[in-house]
Amino acid sequence: MSDKNIHVITGIGYLGKYIARALLEIDCPVPDATIYVDDAAIARTPVTSVLIPPGPHRVEFRRAGYATSRHSVLTAKGVSS
């Protein structure tokens, strides 16, 4: 997996009255890659977004036969990257 083909976009919103979650938007051209956040498998591509807690995270895309793509993201109120 080439990092130049992986796009991770973050934003933050609120679900319900008090529970903050960050929206992690995913654009990965490799089908059936497992998406890990902080070493926990959370989804498989072609998913386009997942909700995660705000804060710093390690995001990885893994699939047999491809190099692992690793990203550090920070989600916080008012921050988009």
Protein backbone atom coordinates (compact mmCIF):
# COMPACT_ATOMS: atom_id res chain seq x y z
CA MET A 1 0.00 0.00 0.00
CA SER A 2 1.42 3.34 -0.95
CA ASP A 3 0.90 6.07 1.65
CA LYS A 4 0.23 8.56 -1.15
CA ASN A 5 -2.96 6.64 -1.99
CA ILE A 6 -4.26 6.56 1.60
CA HIS A 7 -6.14 9.61 2.82
CA VAL A 8 -7.14 10.02 6.46
CA ILE A 9 -9.33 13.03 7.23
CA THR A 10 -10.43 13.85 10.75
CA GLY A 11 -13.12 16.02 12.25
CA ILE A 12 -15.08 16.07 15.49
CA GLY A 13 -18.75 16.04 16.36
CA TYR A 14 -21.07 15.09 19.16
CA LEU A 15 -23.40 12.11 19.31
CA GLY A 16 -26.18 12.75 21.72
CA LYS A 17 -25.69 15.37 24.39
CA TYR A 18 -22.29 14.56 25.91
CA ILE A 19 -20.47 11.88 23.92
CA ALA A 20 -17.78 13.32 21.66
CA ARG A 21 -16.61 11.26 18.72
CA ALA A 22 -14.21 12.09 15.94
CA LEU A 23 -15.06 11.23 12.36
CA LEU A 24 -12.21 9.44 10.62
CA GLU A 25 -12.79 9.56 6.86
CA ILE A 26 -10.98 6.89 4.89
CA ASP A 27 -10.01 6.69 1.23
CA CYS A 28 -8.01 3.50 0.68
CA PRO A 29 -7.73 2.01 -2.82
CA VAL A 30 -6.87 -1.46 -1.50
CA PRO A 31 -10.02 -3.58 -1.04
CA ASP A 32 -10.44 -5.76 2.03
CA ALA A 33 -7.65 -4.08 4.03
CA THR A 34 -8.16 -4.19 7.79
CA ILE A 35 -8.19 -0.79 9.50
CA TYR A 36 -6.59 -0.67 12.94
CA VAL A 37 -6.86 2.21 15.40
CA ASP A 38 -4.44 1.95 18.32
CA ASP A 39 -3.81 -1.73 17.50
CA ALA A 40 -7.51 -2.65 17.54
CA ALA A 41 -9.13 -3.85 14.29
CA ILE A 42 -12.19 -1.65 13.74
CA ALA A 43 -13.25 -2.09 10.10
CA ARG A 44 -12.33 -3.30 6.62
CA THR A 45 -12.13 -1.33 3.42
CA PRO A 46 -14.02 -0.14 1.42
CA VAL A 47 -15.51 1.55 4.53
CA THR A 48 -15.42 5.33 4.06
CA SER A 49 -15.64 6.59 7.65
CA VAL A 50 -15.61 5.45 11.27
CA LEU A 51 -16.20 7.19 14.58
CA ILE A 52 -13.38 7.18 17.13
CA PRO A 53 -12.77 8.99 20.44
CA PRO A 54 -11.08 12.41 20.15
CA GLY A 55 -7.34 12.56 20.82
CA PRO A 56 -4.14 11.13 19.37
CA HIS A 57 -4.34 7.80 17.54
CA ARG A 58 -2.27 5.41 15.44
CA VAL A 59 -4.13 4.31 12.32
CA GLU A 60 -2.90 1.38 10.23
CA PHE A 61 -4.12 -0.31 7.08
CA ARG A 62 -3.08 -3.97 6.76
CA ARG A 63 -3.62 -6.63 4.14
CA ALA A 64 -1.56 -9.71 3.31
CA GLY A 65 0.66 -9.11 0.30
CA TYR A 66 0.81 -5.32 0.88
CA ALA A 67 3.07 -3.15 3.00
CA THR A 68 1.36 -1.82 6.13
CA SER A 69 0.42 1.84 5.87
CA ARG A 70 0.81 3.72 9.19
CA HIS A 71 -0.53 7.15 10.15
CA SER A 72 -0.60 9.27 13.29
CA VAL A 73 -3.71 11.39 13.66
CA LEU A 74 -4.85 13.89 16.27
CA THR A 75 -8.54 14.65 16.51
CA ALA A 76 -9.62 17.65 18.55
CA LYS A 77 -12.38 20.23 18.53
CA GLY A 78 -11.85 22.69 15.71
CA VAL A 79 -9.06 20.65 14.08
CA SER A 80 -9.25 19.10 10.64
CA SER A 81 -6.34 17.34 8.96
